[in-house]
Amino acid sequence: KEEKDVVDGKLARLLKSSKDLEDIIESQRPENVKEGVGYNAVPPPAADLY
């Protein structure tokens, strides 16, 4: 039983650390980058303007 408590504690800390890390990464992502779409605010270069 004591071993299970140790494992549960480690798992809880791991999950909290993972969530904290995701929050840090999310806070550093620019607002203009759309989630999961591969789109950003920079338009493509204009073609055939010569």
PDB file of N, CA and C in Angstrom:
ATOM      1  N   LYS A   1       0.829  -1.198   0.000  1.00  0.00           N
ATOM      2  CA  LYS A   1       0.000   0.000   0.000  1.00  0.00           C
ATOM      3  C   LYS A   1       0.869   1.256   0.000  1.00  0.00           C
ATOM      4  N   GLU A   2       1.932   1.258   0.780  1.00  0.00           N
ATOM      5  CA  GLU A   2       2.796   2.438   0.834  1.00  0.00           C
ATOM      6  C   GLU A   2       3.420   2.715  -0.536  1.00  0.00           C
ATOM      7  N   GLU A   3       3.805   1.647  -1.237  1.00  0.00           N
ATOM      8  CA  GLU A   3       4.391   1.813  -2.574  1.00  0.00           C
ATOM      9  C   GLU A   3       3.380   2.449  -3.529  1.00  0.00           C
ATOM     10  N   LYS A   4       2.116   2.052  -3.413  1.00  0.00           N
ATOM     11  CA  LYS A   4       1.071   2.629  -4.262  1.00  0.00           C
ATOM     12  C   LYS A   4       0.929   4.130  -3.986  1.00  0.00           C
ATOM     13  N   ASP A   5       0.991   4.510  -2.713  1.00  0.00           N
ATOM     14  CA  ASP A   5       0.900   5.927  -2.364  1.00  0.00           C
ATOM     15  C   ASP A   5       2.058   6.713  -2.972  1.00  0.00           C
ATOM     16  N   VAL A   6       3.253   6.132  -2.948  1.00  0.00           N
ATOM     17  CA  VAL A   6       4.428   6.791  -3.526  1.00  0.00           C
ATOM     18  C   VAL A   6       4.226   6.979  -5.025  1.00  0.00           C
ATOM     19  N   VAL A   7       3.759   5.917  -5.692  1.00  0.00           N
ATOM     20  CA  VAL A   7       3.533   5.988  -7.139  1.00  0.00           C
ATOM     21  C   VAL A   7       2.446   7.016  -7.454  1.00  0.00           C
ATOM     22  N   ASP A   8       1.371   7.020  -6.670  1.00  0.00           N
ATOM     23  CA  ASP A   8       0.296   7.994  -6.887  1.00  0.00           C
ATOM     24  C   ASP A   8       0.811   9.424  -6.725  1.00  0.00           C
ATOM     25  N   GLY A   9       1.665   9.633  -5.733  1.00  0.00           N
ATOM     26  CA  GLY A   9       2.230  10.965  -5.520  1.00  0.00           C
ATOM     27  C   GLY A   9       3.106  11.399  -6.678  1.00  0.00           C
ATOM     28  N   LYS A  10       3.921  10.463  -7.176  1.00  0.00           N
ATOM     29  CA  LYS A  10       4.783  10.781  -8.319  1.00  0.00           C
ATOM     30  C   LYS A  10       3.946  11.093  -9.551  1.00  0.00           C
ATOM     31  N   LEU A  11       2.893  10.313  -9.761  1.00  0.00           N
ATOM     32  CA  LEU A  11       2.022  10.537 -10.914  1.00  0.00           C
ATOM     33  C   LEU A  11       1.338  11.902 -10.816  1.00  0.00           C
ATOM     34  N   ALA A  12       0.866  12.249  -9.635  1.00  0.00           N
ATOM     35  CA  ALA A  12       0.206  13.538  -9.446  1.00  0.00           C
ATOM     36  C   ALA A  12       1.173  14.684  -9.731  1.00  0.00           C
ATOM     37  N   ARG A  13       2.416  14.566  -9.250  1.00  0.00           N
ATOM     38  CA  ARG A  13       3.406  15.617  -9.511  1.00  0.00           C
ATOM     39  C   ARG A  13       3.741  15.697 -10.993  1.00  0.00           C
ATOM     40  N   LEU A  14       3.843  14.540 -11.649  1.00  0.00           N
ATOM     41  CA  LEU A  14       4.141  14.515 -13.079  1.00  0.00           C
ATOM     42  C   LEU A  14       3.029  15.201 -13.874  1.00  0.00           C
ATOM     43  N   LEU A  15       1.792  14.889 -13.544  1.00  0.00           N
ATOM     44  CA  LEU A  15       0.664  15.494 -14.264  1.00  0.00           C
ATOM     45  C   LEU A  15       0.621  17.005 -14.040  1.00  0.00           C
ATOM     46  N   LYS A  16       0.891  17.444 -12.802  1.00  0.00           N
ATOM     47  CA  LYS A  16       0.894  18.883 -12.522  1.00  0.00           C
ATOM     48  C   LYS A  16       2.035  19.569 -13.270  1.00  0.00           C
ATOM     49  N   SER A  17       3.211  18.946 -13.279  1.00  0.00           N
ATOM     50  CA  SER A  17       4.349  19.519 -13.997  1.00  0.00           C
ATOM     51  C   SER A  17       4.055  19.617 -15.486  1.00  0.00           C
ATOM     52  N   SER A  18       3.427  18.586 -16.028  1.00  0.00           N
ATOM     53  CA  SER A  18       3.082  18.578 -17.445  1.00  0.00           C
ATOM     54  C   SER A  18       2.115  19.718 -17.761  1.00  0.00           C
ATOM     55  N   LYS A  19       1.115  19.909 -16.908  1.00  0.00           N
ATOM     56  CA  LYS A  19       0.136  20.984 -17.106  1.00  0.00           C
ATOM     57  C   LYS A  19       0.818  22.342 -17.002  1.00  0.00           C
ATOM     58  N   ASP A  20       1.691  22.504 -16.004  1.00  0.00           N
ATOM     59  CA  ASP A  20       2.413  23.768 -15.846  1.00  0.00           C
ATOM     60  C   ASP A  20       3.258  24.064 -17.081  1.00  0.00           C
ATOM     61  N   LEU A  21       3.934  23.043 -17.610  1.00  0.00           N
ATOM     62  CA  LEU A  21       4.770  23.219 -18.793  1.00  0.00           C
ATOM     63  C   LEU A  21       3.926  23.620 -20.002  1.00  0.00           C
ATOM     64  N   GLU A  22       2.780  22.978 -20.169  1.00  0.00           N
ATOM     65  CA  GLU A  22       1.886  23.345 -21.271  1.00  0.00           C
ATOM     66  C   GLU A  22       1.437  24.798 -21.140  1.00  0.00           C
ATOM     67  N   ASP A  23       1.129  25.223 -19.920  1.00  0.00           N
ATOM     68  CA  ASP A  23       0.708  26.613 -19.694  1.00  0.00           C
ATOM     69  C   ASP A  23       1.828  27.587 -20.048  1.00  0.00           C
ATOM     70  N   ILE A  24       3.069  27.254 -19.690  1.00  0.00           N
ATOM     71  CA  ILE A  24       4.210  28.120 -20.005  1.00  0.00           C
ATOM     72  C   ILE A  24       4.384  28.231 -21.516  1.00  0.00           C
ATOM     73  N   ILE A  25       4.334  27.088 -22.198  1.00  0.00           N
ATOM     74  CA  ILE A  25       4.494  27.097 -23.655  1.00  0.00           C
ATOM     75  C   ILE A  25       3.367  27.902 -24.300  1.00  0.00           C
ATOM     76  N   GLU A  26       2.149  27.693 -23.846  1.00  0.00           N
ATOM     77  CA  GLU A  26       0.995  28.407 -24.404  1.00  0.00           C
ATOM     78  C   GLU A  26       1.139  29.912 -24.185  1.00  0.00           C
ATOM     79  N   SER A  27       1.664  30.321 -23.028  1.00  0.00           N
ATOM     80  CA  SER A  27       1.790  31.748 -22.744  1.00  0.00           C
ATOM     81  C   SER A  27       2.843  32.408 -23.634  1.00  0.00           C
ATOM     82  N   GLN A  28       3.772  31.616 -24.187  1.00  0.00           N
ATOM     83  CA  GLN A  28       4.812  32.177 -25.039  1.00  0.00           C
ATOM     84  C   GLN A  28       4.435  32.156 -26.517  1.00  0.00           C
ATOM     85  N   ARG A  29       3.330  31.502 -26.868  1.00  0.00           N
ATOM     86  CA  ARG A  29       2.909  31.415 -28.263  1.00  0.00           C
ATOM     87  C   ARG A  29       2.298  32.759 -28.670  1.00  0.00           C
ATOM     88  N   PRO A  30       2.709  33.305 -29.809  1.00  0.00           N
ATOM     89  CA  PRO A  30       2.135  34.576 -30.256  1.00  0.00           C
ATOM     90  C   PRO A  30       0.625  34.457 -30.463  1.00  0.00           C
ATOM     91  N   GLU A  31      -0.091  35.526 -30.164  1.00  0.00           N
ATOM     92  CA  GLU A  31      -1.547  35.509 -30.278  1.00  0.00           C
ATOM     93  C   GLU A  31      -2.015  35.316 -31.716  1.00  0.00           C
ATOM     94  N   ASN A  32      -1.204  35.769 -32.692  1.00  0.00           N
ATOM     95  CA  ASN A  32      -1.659  35.731 -34.077  1.00  0.00           C
ATOM     96  C   ASN A  32      -1.438  34.378 -34.741  1.00  0.00           C
ATOM     97  N   VAL A  33      -0.890  33.425 -34.028  1.00  0.00           N
ATOM     98  CA  VAL A  33      -0.705  32.085 -34.594  1.00  0.00           C
ATOM     99  C   VAL A  33      -1.928  31.257 -34.228  1.00  0.00           C
ATOM    100  N   LYS A  34      -2.621  30.791 -35.229  1.00  0.00           N
ATOM    101  CA  LYS A  34      -3.828  30.009 -34.990  1.00  0.00           C
ATOM    102  C   LYS A  34      -3.441  28.595 -34.559  1.00  0.00           C
ATOM    103  N   GLU A  35      -4.156  28.066 -33.608  1.00  0.00           N
ATOM    104  CA  GLU A  35      -3.846  26.752 -33.043  1.00  0.00           C
ATOM    105  C   GLU A  35      -4.058  25.641 -34.064  1.00  0.00           C
ATOM    106  N   GLY A  36      -2.996  24.907 -34.365  1.00  0.00           N
ATOM    107  CA  GLY A  36      -3.116  23.699 -35.157  1.00  0.00           C
ATOM    108  C   GLY A  36      -3.452  23.884 -36.619  1.00  0.00           C
ATOM    109  N   VAL A  37      -3.410  25.107 -37.135  1.00  0.00           N
ATOM    110  CA  VAL A  37      -3.806  25.329 -38.524  1.00  0.00           C
ATOM    111  C   VAL A  37      -2.582  25.554 -39.404  1.00  0.00           C
ATOM    112  N   GLY A  38      -1.456  25.915 -38.820  1.00  0.00           N
ATOM    113  CA  GLY A  38      -0.266  26.195 -39.605  1.00  0.00           C
ATOM    114  C   GLY A  38      -0.351  27.548 -40.280  1.00  0.00           C
ATOM    115  N   TYR A  39      -1.175  28.433 -39.767  1.00  0.00           N
ATOM    116  CA  TYR A  39      -1.379  29.755 -40.355  1.00  0.00           C
ATOM    117  C   TYR A  39      -0.783  30.791 -39.417  1.00  0.00           C
ATOM    118  N   ASN A  40      -0.125  31.786 -40.008  1.00  0.00           N
ATOM    119  CA  ASN A  40       0.274  32.920 -39.180  1.00  0.00           C
ATOM    120  C   ASN A  40      -0.071  34.213 -39.912  1.00  0.00           C
ATOM    121  N   ALA A  41       0.216  35.336 -39.304  1.00  0.00           N
ATOM    122  CA  ALA A  41      -0.252  36.616 -39.812  1.00  0.00           C
ATOM    123  C   ALA A  41       0.559  37.126 -40.999  1.00  0.00           C
ATOM    124  N   VAL A  42       1.603  36.422 -41.410  1.00  0.00           N
ATOM    125  CA  VAL A  42       2.425  36.880 -42.527  1.00  0.00           C
ATOM    126  C   VAL A  42       1.814  36.373 -43.831  1.00  0.00           C
ATOM    127  N   PRO A  43       1.436  37.279 -44.727  1.00  0.00           N
ATOM    128  CA  PRO A  43       0.834  36.832 -45.990  1.00  0.00           C
ATOM    129  C   PRO A  43       1.881  36.178 -46.891  1.00  0.00           C
ATOM    130  N   PRO A  44       1.449  35.368 -47.845  1.00  0.00           N
ATOM    131  CA  PRO A  44       2.408  34.767 -48.770  1.00  0.00           C
ATOM    132  C   PRO A  44       3.011  35.838 -49.671  1.00  0.00           C
ATOM    133  N   PRO A  45       4.190  35.605 -50.228  1.00  0.00           N
ATOM    134  CA  PRO A  45       4.781  36.610 -51.118  1.00  0.00           C
ATOM    135  C   PRO A  45       3.932  36.770 -52.385  1.00  0.00           C
ATOM    136  N   ALA A  46       3.873  37.994 -52.871  1.00  0.00           N
ATOM    137  CA  ALA A  46       3.107  38.254 -54.091  1.00  0.00           C
ATOM    138  C   ALA A  46       3.818  37.604 -55.276  1.00  0.00           C
ATOM    139  N   ALA A  47       3.056  36.980 -56.152  1.00  0.00           N
ATOM    140  CA  ALA A  47       3.638  36.269 -57.291  1.00  0.00           C
ATOM    141  C   ALA A  47       3.571  37.134 -58.553  1.00  0.00           C
ATOM    142  N   ASP A  48       4.569  36.990 -59.401  1.00  0.00           N
ATOM    143  CA  ASP A  48       4.580  37.607 -60.741  1.00  0.00           C
ATOM    144  C   ASP A  48       4.406  39.125 -60.704  1.00  0.00           C
ATOM    145  N   LEU A  49       5.155  39.795 -59.851  1.00  0.00           N
ATOM    146  CA  LEU A  49       5.058  41.251 -59.799  1.00  0.00           C
ATOM    147  C   LEU A  49       6.232  41.909 -60.516  1.00  0.00           C
ATOM    148  N   TYR A  50       6.847  41.246 -61.473  1.00  0.00           N
ATOM    149  CA  TYR A  50       7.989  41.828 -62.166  1.00  0.00           C
ATOM    150  C   TYR A  50       7.651  42.115 -63.607  1.00  0.00           C
TER     151      TYR A  50
END
